[in-house]
Amino acid sequence: MKDYKMELWPVPIKIKRNKEWLNMELESAQTCYFTMENETGGLIVKGELIGESEILYFDDLKFKGIIALLHSIDKQNFISSGKNDLFDQYISEIEETLYGMKKFNKFQGKTI
């Protein structure tokens, strides 16, 4: 299992109106930044999620982001690239992670 680093915090939203920037904080709009690093600290992926969150540490927003990303993946792209094994490896890691999340109340990426 990979090492994960998650940085989370809400950020102010800026709106441009008539060449002026208006700073406003919206309680319902949250931004969640995240990075995934390998064992040596090298960047694997970095991103942000923006949306409404009702759960501590944006856990509901993270689930929505995961679901959206999963819906955008096509196995055919792995087949066309000759990377069937990589697709199976990722599916296996997702299944292992979901198993750990279901089994433990506080999972947080710990190795099972």
PDB file of N, CA and C in Angstrom:
ATOM      1  N   MET A   1       0.836  -1.171   0.000  1.00  0.00           N
ATOM      2  CA  MET A   1       0.000   0.000   0.000  1.00  0.00           C
ATOM      3  C   MET A   1       0.889   1.244   0.000  1.00  0.00           C
ATOM      4  N   LYS A   2       0.464   2.263  -0.699  1.00  0.00           N
ATOM      5  CA  LYS A   2       1.228   3.496  -0.816  1.00  0.00           C
ATOM      6  C   LYS A   2       1.087   4.356   0.434  1.00  0.00           C
ATOM      7  N   ASP A   3       2.065   5.239   0.658  1.00  0.00           N
ATOM      8  CA  ASP A   3       1.960   6.229   1.726  1.00  0.00           C
ATOM      9  C   ASP A   3       1.162   7.407   1.187  1.00  0.00           C
ATOM     10  N   TYR A   4       0.256   7.944   2.008  1.00  0.00           N
ATOM     11  CA  TYR A   4      -0.584   9.059   1.582  1.00  0.00           C
ATOM     12  C   TYR A   4      -0.366  10.259   2.476  1.00  0.00           C
ATOM     13  N   LYS A   5      -0.388  11.407   1.873  1.00  0.00           N
ATOM     14  CA  LYS A   5      -0.329  12.649   2.616  1.00  0.00           C
ATOM     15  C   LYS A   5      -1.556  13.455   2.203  1.00  0.00           C
ATOM     16  N   MET A   6      -2.370  13.850   3.154  1.00  0.00           N
ATOM     17  CA  MET A   6      -3.577  14.597   2.846  1.00  0.00           C
ATOM     18  C   MET A   6      -3.529  15.934   3.567  1.00  0.00           C
ATOM     19  N   GLU A   7      -3.630  17.009   2.814  1.00  0.00           N
ATOM     20  CA  GLU A   7      -3.679  18.347   3.388  1.00  0.00           C
ATOM     21  C   GLU A   7      -5.075  18.890   3.132  1.00  0.00           C
ATOM     22  N   LEU A   8      -5.761  19.286   4.179  1.00  0.00           N
ATOM     23  CA  LEU A   8      -7.142  19.728   4.059  1.00  0.00           C
ATOM     24  C   LEU A   8      -7.352  21.062   4.753  1.00  0.00           C
ATOM     25  N   TRP A   9      -7.992  21.988   4.076  1.00  0.00           N
ATOM     26  CA  TRP A   9      -8.394  23.235   4.715  1.00  0.00           C
ATOM     27  C   TRP A   9      -9.354  23.968   3.786  1.00  0.00           C
ATOM     28  N   PRO A  10     -10.335  24.697   4.362  1.00  0.00           N
ATOM     29  CA  PRO A  10     -11.222  25.510   3.527  1.00  0.00           C
ATOM     30  C   PRO A  10     -10.487  26.774   3.088  1.00  0.00           C
ATOM     31  N   VAL A  11     -10.821  27.270   1.937  1.00  0.00           N
ATOM     32  CA  VAL A  11     -10.178  28.489   1.440  1.00  0.00           C
ATOM     33  C   VAL A  11     -11.243  29.515   1.062  1.00  0.00           C
ATOM     34  N   PRO A  12     -10.896  30.803   1.164  1.00  0.00           N
ATOM     35  CA  PRO A  12     -11.844  31.837   0.733  1.00  0.00           C
ATOM     36  C   PRO A  12     -12.078  31.750  -0.771  1.00  0.00           C
ATOM     37  N   ILE A  13     -13.241  32.125  -1.201  1.00  0.00           N
ATOM     38  CA  ILE A  13     -13.570  32.143  -2.627  1.00  0.00           C
ATOM     39  C   ILE A  13     -13.508  33.583  -3.103  1.00  0.00           C
ATOM     40  N   LYS A  14     -12.871  33.810  -4.245  1.00  0.00           N
ATOM     41  CA  LYS A  14     -12.760  35.161  -4.802  1.00  0.00           C
ATOM     42  C   LYS A  14     -13.659  35.262  -6.031  1.00  0.00           C
ATOM     43  N   ILE A  15     -14.405  36.343  -6.107  1.00  0.00           N
ATOM     44  CA  ILE A  15     -15.308  36.581  -7.224  1.00  0.00           C
ATOM     45  C   ILE A  15     -14.912  37.904  -7.876  1.00  0.00           C
ATOM     46  N   LYS A  16     -14.817  37.904  -9.207  1.00  0.00           N
ATOM     47  CA  LYS A  16     -14.452  39.131  -9.913  1.00  0.00           C
ATOM     48  C   LYS A  16     -15.724  39.838 -10.382  1.00  0.00           C
ATOM     49  N   ARG A  17     -15.845  41.115 -10.025  1.00  0.00           N
ATOM     50  CA  ARG A  17     -16.996  41.919 -10.427  1.00  0.00           C
ATOM     51  C   ARG A  17     -16.492  43.289 -10.829  1.00  0.00           C
ATOM     52  N   ASN A  18     -16.729  43.661 -12.076  1.00  0.00           N
ATOM     53  CA  ASN A  18     -16.324  44.977 -12.577  1.00  0.00           C
ATOM     54  C   ASN A  18     -14.852  45.275 -12.293  1.00  0.00           C
ATOM     55  N   LYS A  19     -13.989  44.347 -12.641  1.00  0.00           N
ATOM     56  CA  LYS A  19     -12.537  44.475 -12.494  1.00  0.00           C
ATOM     57  C   LYS A  19     -12.070  44.553 -11.050  1.00  0.00           C
ATOM     58  N   GLU A  20     -12.933  44.253 -10.102  1.00  0.00           N
ATOM     59  CA  GLU A  20     -12.551  44.229  -8.690  1.00  0.00           C
ATOM     60  C   GLU A  20     -12.728  42.812  -8.170  1.00  0.00           C
ATOM     61  N   TRP A  21     -11.848  42.425  -7.298  1.00  0.00           N
ATOM     62  CA  TRP A  21     -11.964  41.098  -6.682  1.00  0.00           C
ATOM     63  C   TRP A  21     -12.693  41.237  -5.345  1.00  0.00           C
ATOM     64  N   LEU A  22     -13.744  40.474  -5.190  1.00  0.00           N
ATOM     65  CA  LEU A  22     -14.479  40.447  -3.930  1.00  0.00           C
ATOM     66  C   LEU A  22     -14.120  39.154  -3.214  1.00  0.00           C
ATOM     67  N   ASN A  23     -13.633  39.277  -2.012  1.00  0.00           N
ATOM     68  CA  ASN A  23     -13.327  38.089  -1.225  1.00  0.00           C
ATOM     69  C   ASN A  23     -14.539  37.735  -0.385  1.00  0.00           C
ATOM     70  N   MET A  24     -14.937  36.483  -0.487  1.00  0.00           N
ATOM     71  CA  MET A  24     -16.048  36.040   0.344  1.00  0.00           C
ATOM     72  C   MET A  24     -15.840  34.584   0.713  1.00  0.00           C
ATOM     73  N   GLU A  25     -16.168  34.275   1.932  1.00  0.00           N
ATOM     74  CA  GLU A  25     -16.078  32.899   2.376  1.00  0.00           C
ATOM     75  C   GLU A  25     -17.467  32.310   2.367  1.00  0.00           C
ATOM     76  N   LEU A  26     -17.628  31.197   1.675  1.00  0.00           N
ATOM     77  CA  LEU A  26     -18.897  30.509   1.637  1.00  0.00           C
ATOM     78  C   LEU A  26     -18.792  29.273   2.497  1.00  0.00           C
ATOM     79  N   GLU A  27     -19.643  29.170   3.489  1.00  0.00           N
ATOM     80  CA  GLU A  27     -19.581  28.030   4.388  1.00  0.00           C
ATOM     81  C   GLU A  27     -19.905  26.728   3.675  1.00  0.00           C
ATOM     82  N   SER A  28     -20.750  26.766   2.647  1.00  0.00           N
ATOM     83  CA  SER A  28     -21.146  25.536   1.986  1.00  0.00           C
ATOM     84  C   SER A  28     -20.133  25.078   0.937  1.00  0.00           C
ATOM     85  N   ALA A  29     -19.285  25.967   0.438  1.00  0.00           N
ATOM     86  CA  ALA A  29     -18.267  25.581  -0.548  1.00  0.00           C
ATOM     87  C   ALA A  29     -16.945  25.348   0.171  1.00  0.00           C
ATOM     88  N   GLN A  30     -16.412  24.167  -0.006  1.00  0.00           N
ATOM     89  CA  GLN A  30     -15.159  23.790   0.659  1.00  0.00           C
ATOM     90  C   GLN A  30     -14.133  23.397  -0.400  1.00  0.00           C
ATOM     91  N   THR A  31     -12.873  23.585  -0.094  1.00  0.00           N
ATOM     92  CA  THR A  31     -11.801  23.130  -0.965  1.00  0.00           C
ATOM     93  C   THR A  31     -10.921  22.175  -0.186  1.00  0.00           C
ATOM     94  N   CYS A  32     -10.666  21.052  -0.775  1.00  0.00           N
ATOM     95  CA  CYS A  32      -9.841  20.017  -0.169  1.00  0.00           C
ATOM     96  C   CYS A  32      -8.661  19.767  -1.105  1.00  0.00           C
ATOM     97  N   TYR A  33      -7.453  20.058  -0.668  1.00  0.00           N
ATOM     98  CA  TYR A  33      -6.250  19.781  -1.437  1.00  0.00           C
ATOM     99  C   TYR A  33      -5.695  18.436  -1.005  1.00  0.00           C
ATOM    100  N   PHE A  34      -5.138  17.696  -1.936  1.00  0.00           N
ATOM    101  CA  PHE A  34      -4.543  16.418  -1.566  1.00  0.00           C
ATOM    102  C   PHE A  34      -3.320  16.126  -2.425  1.00  0.00           C
ATOM    103  N   THR A  35      -2.410  15.366  -1.857  1.00  0.00           N
ATOM    104  CA  THR A  35      -1.256  14.860  -2.595  1.00  0.00           C
ATOM    105  C   THR A  35      -1.080  13.398  -2.238  1.00  0.00           C
ATOM    106  N   MET A  36      -0.548  12.631  -3.172  1.00  0.00           N
ATOM    107  CA  MET A  36      -0.201  11.237  -2.918  1.00  0.00           C
ATOM    108  C   MET A  36       1.265  11.091  -3.291  1.00  0.00           C
ATOM    109  N   GLU A  37       2.039  10.598  -2.328  1.00  0.00           N
ATOM    110  CA  GLU A  37       3.475  10.449  -2.532  1.00  0.00           C
ATOM    111  C   GLU A  37       3.875   8.991  -2.393  1.00  0.00           C
ATOM    112  N   ASN A  38       4.962   8.615  -3.057  1.00  0.00           N
ATOM    113  CA  ASN A  38       5.476   7.253  -2.903  1.00  0.00           C
ATOM    114  C   ASN A  38       6.327   7.159  -1.642  1.00  0.00           C
ATOM    115  N   GLU A  39       6.907   5.994  -1.435  1.00  0.00           N
ATOM    116  CA  GLU A  39       7.666   5.737  -0.210  1.00  0.00           C
ATOM    117  C   GLU A  39       8.870   6.664  -0.033  1.00  0.00           C
ATOM    118  N   THR A  40       9.390   7.208  -1.126  1.00  0.00           N
ATOM    119  CA  THR A  40      10.560   8.087  -1.042  1.00  0.00           C
ATOM    120  C   THR A  40      10.189   9.568  -1.064  1.00  0.00           C
ATOM    121  N   GLY A  41       8.889   9.865  -1.018  1.00  0.00           N
ATOM    122  CA  GLY A  41       8.450  11.256  -1.003  1.00  0.00           C
ATOM    123  C   GLY A  41       8.218  11.851  -2.374  1.00  0.00           C
ATOM    124  N   GLY A  42       8.343  11.048  -3.431  1.00  0.00           N
ATOM    125  CA  GLY A  42       8.099  11.541  -4.783  1.00  0.00           C
ATOM    126  C   GLY A  42       6.614  11.694  -5.057  1.00  0.00           C
ATOM    127  N   LEU A  43       6.257  12.739  -5.756  1.00  0.00           N
ATOM    128  CA  LEU A  43       4.858  13.038  -6.061  1.00  0.00           C
ATOM    129  C   LEU A  43       4.291  12.017  -7.039  1.00  0.00           C
ATOM    130  N   ILE A  44       3.138  11.452  -6.694  1.00  0.00           N
ATOM    131  CA  ILE A  44       2.414  10.559  -7.593  1.00  0.00           C
ATOM    132  C   ILE A  44       1.253  11.318  -8.226  1.00  0.00           C
ATOM    133  N   VAL A  45       0.478  12.016  -7.395  1.00  0.00           N
ATOM    134  CA  VAL A  45      -0.643  12.802  -7.898  1.00  0.00           C
ATOM    135  C   VAL A  45      -0.947  13.919  -6.906  1.00  0.00           C
ATOM    136  N   LYS A  46      -1.468  15.033  -7.433  1.00  0.00           N
ATOM    137  CA  LYS A  46      -1.823  16.178  -6.609  1.00  0.00           C
ATOM    138  C   LYS A  46      -3.113  16.750  -7.177  1.00  0.00           C
ATOM    139  N   GLY A  47      -4.016  17.204  -6.305  1.00  0.00           N
ATOM    140  CA  GLY A  47      -5.251  17.760  -6.828  1.00  0.00           C
ATOM    141  C   GLY A  47      -6.032  18.522  -5.785  1.00  0.00           C
ATOM    142  N   GLU A  48      -7.209  18.963  -6.194  1.00  0.00           N
ATOM    143  CA  GLU A  48      -8.100  19.660  -5.287  1.00  0.00           C
ATOM    144  C   GLU A  48      -9.532  19.280  -5.615  1.00  0.00           C
ATOM    145  N   LEU A  49     -10.357  19.280  -4.582  1.00  0.00           N
ATOM    146  CA  LEU A  49     -11.782  19.036  -4.719  1.00  0.00           C
ATOM    147  C   LEU A  49     -12.505  20.268  -4.184  1.00  0.00           C
ATOM    148  N   ILE A  50     -13.497  20.726  -4.900  1.00  0.00           N
ATOM    149  CA  ILE A  50     -14.282  21.878  -4.455  1.00  0.00           C
ATOM    150  C   ILE A  50     -15.742  21.475  -4.480  1.00  0.00           C
ATOM    151  N   GLY A  51     -16.427  21.679  -3.386  1.00  0.00           N
ATOM    152  CA  GLY A  51     -17.841  21.345  -3.317  1.00  0.00           C
ATOM    153  C   GLY A  51     -18.371  21.515  -1.909  1.00  0.00           C
ATOM    154  N   GLU A  52     -19.601  21.089  -1.723  1.00  0.00           N
ATOM    155  CA  GLU A  52     -20.230  21.191  -0.413  1.00  0.00           C
ATOM    156  C   GLU A  52     -19.860  19.992   0.433  1.00  0.00           C
ATOM    157  N   SER A  53     -19.611  20.246   1.702  1.00  0.00           N
ATOM    158  CA  SER A  53     -19.240  19.182   2.630  1.00  0.00           C
ATOM    159  C   SER A  53     -20.001  19.360   3.932  1.00  0.00           C
ATOM    160  N   GLU A  54     -20.515  18.248   4.446  1.00  0.00           N
ATOM    161  CA  GLU A  54     -21.242  18.268   5.711  1.00  0.00           C
ATOM    162  C   GLU A  54     -20.564  17.402   6.772  1.00  0.00           C
ATOM    163  N   ILE A  55     -19.459  16.768   6.408  1.00  0.00           N
ATOM    164  CA  ILE A  55     -18.795  15.800   7.276  1.00  0.00           C
ATOM    165  C   ILE A  55     -17.402  16.314   7.662  1.00  0.00           C
ATOM    166  N   LEU A  56     -17.000  16.031   8.889  1.00  0.00           N
ATOM    167  CA  LEU A  56     -15.689  16.407   9.395  1.00  0.00           C
ATOM    168  C   LEU A  56     -14.580  15.951   8.453  1.00  0.00           C
ATOM    169  N   TYR A  57     -13.586  16.794   8.253  1.00  0.00           N
ATOM    170  CA  TYR A  57     -12.437  16.529   7.384  1.00  0.00           C
ATOM    171  C   TYR A  57     -12.836  16.294   5.922  1.00  0.00           C
ATOM    172  N   PHE A  58     -13.981  16.819   5.516  1.00  0.00           N
ATOM    173  CA  PHE A  58     -14.440  16.762   4.122  1.00  0.00           C
ATOM    174  C   PHE A  58     -14.608  15.339   3.597  1.00  0.00           C
ATOM    175  N   ASP A  59     -14.853  14.366   4.477  1.00  0.00           N
ATOM    176  CA  ASP A  59     -14.907  12.976   4.022  1.00  0.00           C
ATOM    177  C   ASP A  59     -16.001  12.728   2.983  1.00  0.00           C
ATOM    178  N   ASP A  60     -17.145  13.408   3.080  1.00  0.00           N
ATOM    179  CA  ASP A  60     -18.182  13.243   2.065  1.00  0.00           C
ATOM    180  C   ASP A  60     -17.757  13.840   0.730  1.00  0.00           C
ATOM    181  N   LEU A  61     -17.060  14.958   0.753  1.00  0.00           N
ATOM    182  CA  LEU A  61     -16.554  15.584  -0.464  1.00  0.00           C
ATOM    183  C   LEU A  61     -15.515  14.683  -1.137  1.00  0.00           C
ATOM    184  N   LYS A  62     -14.661  14.046  -0.323  1.00  0.00           N
ATOM    185  CA  LYS A  62     -13.663  13.121  -0.873  1.00  0.00           C
ATOM    186  C   LYS A  62     -14.332  11.931  -1.557  1.00  0.00           C
ATOM    187  N   PHE A  63     -15.396  11.387  -0.930  1.00  0.00           N
ATOM    188  CA  PHE A  63     -16.125  10.290  -1.565  1.00  0.00           C
ATOM    189  C   PHE A  63     -16.716  10.718  -2.906  1.00  0.00           C
ATOM    190  N   LYS A  64     -17.312  11.916  -2.955  1.00  0.00           N
ATOM    191  CA  LYS A  64     -17.886  12.413  -4.208  1.00  0.00           C
ATOM    192  C   LYS A  64     -16.821  12.524  -5.295  1.00  0.00           C
ATOM    193  N   GLY A  65     -15.636  13.002  -4.918  1.00  0.00           N
ATOM    194  CA  GLY A  65     -14.541  13.113  -5.879  1.00  0.00           C
ATOM    195  C   GLY A  65     -14.084  11.763  -6.393  1.00  0.00           C
ATOM    196  N   ILE A  66     -13.986  10.793  -5.482  1.00  0.00           N
ATOM    197  CA  ILE A  66     -13.584   9.440  -5.873  1.00  0.00           C
ATOM    198  C   ILE A  66     -14.586   8.845  -6.856  1.00  0.00           C
ATOM    199  N   ILE A  67     -15.875   8.982  -6.535  1.00  0.00           N
ATOM    200  CA  ILE A  67     -16.917   8.439  -7.410  1.00  0.00           C
ATOM    201  C   ILE A  67     -16.857   9.097  -8.785  1.00  0.00           C
ATOM    202  N   ALA A  68     -16.690  10.406  -8.824  1.00  0.00           N
ATOM    203  CA  ALA A  68     -16.603  11.118 -10.108  1.00  0.00           C
ATOM    204  C   ALA A  68     -15.407  10.623 -10.921  1.00  0.00           C
ATOM    205  N   LEU A  69     -14.259  10.457 -10.273  1.00  0.00           N
ATOM    206  CA  LEU A  69     -13.075   9.992 -10.991  1.00  0.00           C
ATOM    207  C   LEU A  69     -13.232   8.550 -11.477  1.00  0.00           C
ATOM    208  N   LEU A  70     -13.807   7.684 -10.652  1.00  0.00           N
ATOM    209  CA  LEU A  70     -14.012   6.297 -11.067  1.00  0.00           C
ATOM    210  C   LEU A  70     -14.914   6.211 -12.295  1.00  0.00           C
ATOM    211  N   HIS A  71     -15.923   7.081 -12.351  1.00  0.00           N
ATOM    212  CA  HIS A  71     -16.821   7.083 -13.506  1.00  0.00           C
ATOM    213  C   HIS A  71     -16.132   7.568 -14.781  1.00  0.00           C
ATOM    214  N   SER A  72     -14.971   8.181 -14.658  1.00  0.00           N
ATOM    215  CA  SER A  72     -14.276   8.705 -15.837  1.00  0.00           C
ATOM    216  C   SER A  72     -13.215   7.743 -16.382  1.00  0.00           C
ATOM    217  N   ILE A  73     -13.062   6.583 -15.762  1.00  0.00           N
ATOM    218  CA  ILE A  73     -12.017   5.624 -16.158  1.00  0.00           C
ATOM    219  C   ILE A  73     -12.607   4.546 -17.060  1.00  0.00           C
ATOM    220  N   ASP A  74     -11.929   4.267 -18.179  1.00  0.00           N
ATOM    221  CA  ASP A  74     -12.337   3.215 -19.100  1.00  0.00           C
ATOM    222  C   ASP A  74     -11.265   2.137 -19.177  1.00  0.00           C
ATOM    223  N   LYS A  75     -11.648   0.899 -18.927  1.00  0.00           N
ATOM    224  CA  LYS A  75     -10.716  -0.226 -19.005  1.00  0.00           C
ATOM    225  C   LYS A  75     -10.118  -0.332 -20.415  1.00  0.00           C
ATOM    226  N   GLN A  76     -10.902   0.044 -21.424  1.00  0.00           N
ATOM    227  CA  GLN A  76     -10.435  -0.036 -22.813  1.00  0.00           C
ATOM    228  C   GLN A  76      -9.145   0.758 -23.032  1.00  0.00           C
ATOM    229  N   ASN A  77      -8.973   1.870 -22.314  1.00  0.00           N
ATOM    230  CA  ASN A  77      -7.747   2.666 -22.455  1.00  0.00           C
ATOM    231  C   ASN A  77      -6.525   1.888 -21.979  1.00  0.00           C
ATOM    232  N   PHE A  78      -6.684   1.076 -20.933  1.00  0.00           N
ATOM    233  CA  PHE A  78      -5.592   0.238 -20.452  1.00  0.00           C
ATOM    234  C   PHE A  78      -5.309  -0.885 -21.446  1.00  0.00           C
ATOM    235  N   ILE A  79      -6.370  -1.472 -22.007  1.00  0.00           N
ATOM    236  CA  ILE A  79      -6.218  -2.545 -23.000  1.00  0.00           C
ATOM    237  C   ILE A  79      -5.491  -2.009 -24.224  1.00  0.00           C
ATOM    238  N   SER A  80      -5.918  -0.851 -24.713  1.00  0.00           N
ATOM    239  CA  SER A  80      -5.297  -0.238 -25.901  1.00  0.00           C
ATOM    240  C   SER A  80      -3.830   0.098 -25.679  1.00  0.00           C
ATOM    241  N   SER A  81      -3.465   0.396 -24.430  1.00  0.00           N
ATOM    242  CA  SER A  81      -2.079   0.742 -24.097  1.00  0.00           C
ATOM    243  C   SER A  81      -1.251  -0.491 -23.733  1.00  0.00           C
ATOM    244  N   GLY A  82      -1.894  -1.665 -23.732  1.00  0.00           N
ATOM    245  CA  GLY A  82      -1.187  -2.883 -23.351  1.00  0.00           C
ATOM    246  C   GLY A  82      -0.870  -2.936 -21.864  1.00  0.00           C
ATOM    247  N   LYS A  83      -1.681  -2.287 -21.045  1.00  0.00           N
ATOM    248  CA  LYS A  83      -1.434  -2.185 -19.601  1.00  0.00           C
ATOM    249  C   LYS A  83      -2.565  -2.823 -18.787  1.00  0.00           C
ATOM    250  N   ASN A  84      -3.068  -3.981 -19.233  1.00  0.00           N
ATOM    251  CA  ASN A  84      -4.125  -4.694 -18.502  1.00  0.00           C
ATOM    252  C   ASN A  84      -3.726  -4.959 -17.063  1.00  0.00           C
ATOM    253  N   ASP A  85      -2.469  -5.346 -16.840  1.00  0.00           N
ATOM    254  CA  ASP A  85      -1.998  -5.663 -15.491  1.00  0.00           C
ATOM    255  C   ASP A  85      -2.086  -4.448 -14.570  1.00  0.00           C
ATOM    256  N   LEU A  86      -1.812  -3.271 -15.110  1.00  0.00           N
ATOM    257  CA  LEU A  86      -1.884  -2.050 -14.312  1.00  0.00           C
ATOM    258  C   LEU A  86      -3.323  -1.767 -13.880  1.00  0.00           C
ATOM    259  N   PHE A  87      -4.269  -1.974 -14.788  1.00  0.00           N
ATOM    260  CA  PHE A  87      -5.683  -1.807 -14.447  1.00  0.00           C
ATOM    261  C   PHE A  87      -6.060  -2.741 -13.300  1.00  0.00           C
ATOM    262  N   ASP A  88      -5.666  -4.008 -13.419  1.00  0.00           N
ATOM    263  CA  ASP A  88      -5.975  -4.993 -12.377  1.00  0.00           C
ATOM    264  C   ASP A  88      -5.304  -4.641 -11.049  1.00  0.00           C
ATOM    265  N   GLN A  89      -4.079  -4.107 -11.115  1.00  0.00           N
ATOM    266  CA  GLN A  89      -3.357  -3.700  -9.903  1.00  0.00           C
ATOM    267  C   GLN A  89      -4.099  -2.571  -9.191  1.00  0.00           C
ATOM    268  N   TYR A  90      -4.561  -1.577  -9.949  1.00  0.00           N
ATOM    269  CA  TYR A  90      -5.298  -0.456  -9.352  1.00  0.00           C
ATOM    270  C   TYR A  90      -6.627  -0.921  -8.752  1.00  0.00           C
ATOM    271  N   ILE A  91      -7.342  -1.785  -9.460  1.00  0.00           N
ATOM    272  CA  ILE A  91      -8.614  -2.311  -8.945  1.00  0.00           C
ATOM    273  C   ILE A  91      -8.364  -3.057  -7.643  1.00  0.00           C
ATOM    274  N   SER A  92      -7.302  -3.838  -7.603  1.00  0.00           N
ATOM    275  CA  SER A  92      -6.946  -4.595  -6.402  1.00  0.00           C
ATOM    276  C   SER A  92      -6.647  -3.663  -5.223  1.00  0.00           C
ATOM    277  N   GLU A  93      -5.906  -2.597  -5.476  1.00  0.00           N
ATOM    278  CA  GLU A  93      -5.575  -1.640  -4.416  1.00  0.00           C
ATOM    279  C   GLU A  93      -6.828  -0.921  -3.907  1.00  0.00           C
ATOM    280  N   ILE A  94      -7.727  -0.589  -4.825  1.00  0.00           N
ATOM    281  CA  ILE A  94      -8.988   0.051  -4.427  1.00  0.00           C
ATOM    282  C   ILE A  94      -9.797  -0.899  -3.551  1.00  0.00           C
ATOM    283  N   GLU A  95      -9.900  -2.156  -3.967  1.00  0.00           N
ATOM    284  CA  GLU A  95     -10.659  -3.147  -3.194  1.00  0.00           C
ATOM    285  C   GLU A  95     -10.046  -3.356  -1.816  1.00  0.00           C
ATOM    286  N   GLU A  96      -8.725  -3.418  -1.730  1.00  0.00           N
ATOM    287  CA  GLU A  96      -8.037  -3.587  -0.446  1.00  0.00           C
ATOM    288  C   GLU A  96      -8.284  -2.395   0.471  1.00  0.00           C
ATOM    289  N   THR A  97      -8.241  -1.208  -0.100  1.00  0.00           N
ATOM    290  CA  THR A  97      -8.482   0.010   0.677  1.00  0.00           C
ATOM    291  C   THR A  97      -9.920   0.052   1.182  1.00  0.00           C
ATOM    292  N   LEU A  98     -10.869  -0.279   0.313  1.00  0.00           N
ATOM    293  CA  LEU A  98     -12.278  -0.297   0.725  1.00  0.00           C
ATOM    294  C   LEU A  98     -12.516  -1.331   1.824  1.00  0.00           C
ATOM    295  N   TYR A  99     -11.875  -2.464   1.731  1.00  0.00           N
ATOM    296  CA  TYR A  99     -11.999  -3.499   2.762  1.00  0.00           C
ATOM    297  C   TYR A  99     -11.542  -2.946   4.117  1.00  0.00           C
ATOM    298  N   GLY A 100     -10.397  -2.288   4.135  1.00  0.00           N
ATOM    299  CA  GLY A 100      -9.876  -1.708   5.372  1.00  0.00           C
ATOM    300  C   GLY A 100     -10.772  -0.614   5.923  1.00  0.00           C
ATOM    301  N   MET A 101     -11.326   0.202   5.041  1.00  0.00           N
ATOM    302  CA  MET A 101     -12.221   1.278   5.479  1.00  0.00           C
ATOM    303  C   MET A 101     -13.486   0.717   6.113  1.00  0.00           C
ATOM    304  N   LYS A 102     -14.002  -0.375   5.550  1.00  0.00           N
ATOM    305  CA  LYS A 102     -15.215  -1.000   6.097  1.00  0.00           C
ATOM    306  C   LYS A 102     -14.934  -1.705   7.419  1.00  0.00           C
ATOM    307  N   LYS A 103     -13.752  -2.289   7.540  1.00  0.00           N
ATOM    308  CA  LYS A 103     -13.420  -3.103   8.708  1.00  0.00           C
ATOM    309  C   LYS A 103     -13.116  -2.255   9.941  1.00  0.00           C
ATOM    310  N   PHE A 104     -12.442  -1.126   9.750  1.00  0.00           N
ATOM    311  CA  PHE A 104     -11.986  -0.302  10.872  1.00  0.00           C
ATOM    312  C   PHE A 104     -12.714   1.038  10.888  1.00  0.00           C
ATOM    313  N   ASN A 105     -13.062   1.517  12.071  1.00  0.00           N
ATOM    314  CA  ASN A 105     -13.722   2.816  12.194  1.00  0.00           C
ATOM    315  C   ASN A 105     -12.774   3.955  11.854  1.00  0.00           C
ATOM    316  N   LYS A 106     -11.491   3.794  12.128  1.00  0.00           N
ATOM    317  CA  LYS A 106     -10.492   4.804  11.806  1.00  0.00           C
ATOM    318  C   LYS A 106      -9.401   4.133  11.000  1.00  0.00           C
ATOM    319  N   PHE A 107      -9.460   4.292   9.679  1.00  0.00           N
ATOM    320  CA  PHE A 107      -8.564   3.592   8.766  1.00  0.00           C
ATOM    321  C   PHE A 107      -7.359   4.471   8.396  1.00  0.00           C
ATOM    322  N   GLN A 108      -7.618   5.634   7.818  1.00  0.00           N
ATOM    323  CA  GLN A 108      -6.593   6.637   7.491  1.00  0.00           C
ATOM    324  C   GLN A 108      -5.387   6.096   6.764  1.00  0.00           C
ATOM    325  N   GLY A 109      -5.575   5.158   5.832  1.00  0.00           N
ATOM    326  CA  GLY A 109      -4.485   4.694   4.990  1.00  0.00           C
ATOM    327  C   GLY A 109      -3.498   3.763   5.656  1.00  0.00           C
ATOM    328  N   LYS A 110      -3.803   3.276   6.851  1.00  0.00           N
ATOM    329  CA  LYS A 110      -2.895   2.361   7.532  1.00  0.00           C
ATOM    330  C   LYS A 110      -2.883   1.010   6.821  1.00  0.00           C
ATOM    331  N   THR A 111      -1.735   0.348   6.834  1.00  0.00           N
ATOM    332  CA  THR A 111      -1.610  -0.963   6.206  1.00  0.00           C
ATOM    333  C   THR A 111      -2.423  -1.985   6.995  1.00  0.00           C
ATOM    334  N   ILE A 112      -3.138  -2.807   6.296  1.00  0.00           N
ATOM    335  CA  ILE A 112      -3.964  -3.850   6.923  1.00  0.00           C
ATOM    336  C   ILE A 112      -3.083  -5.024   7.324  1.00  0.00           C
TER     337      ILE A 112
END
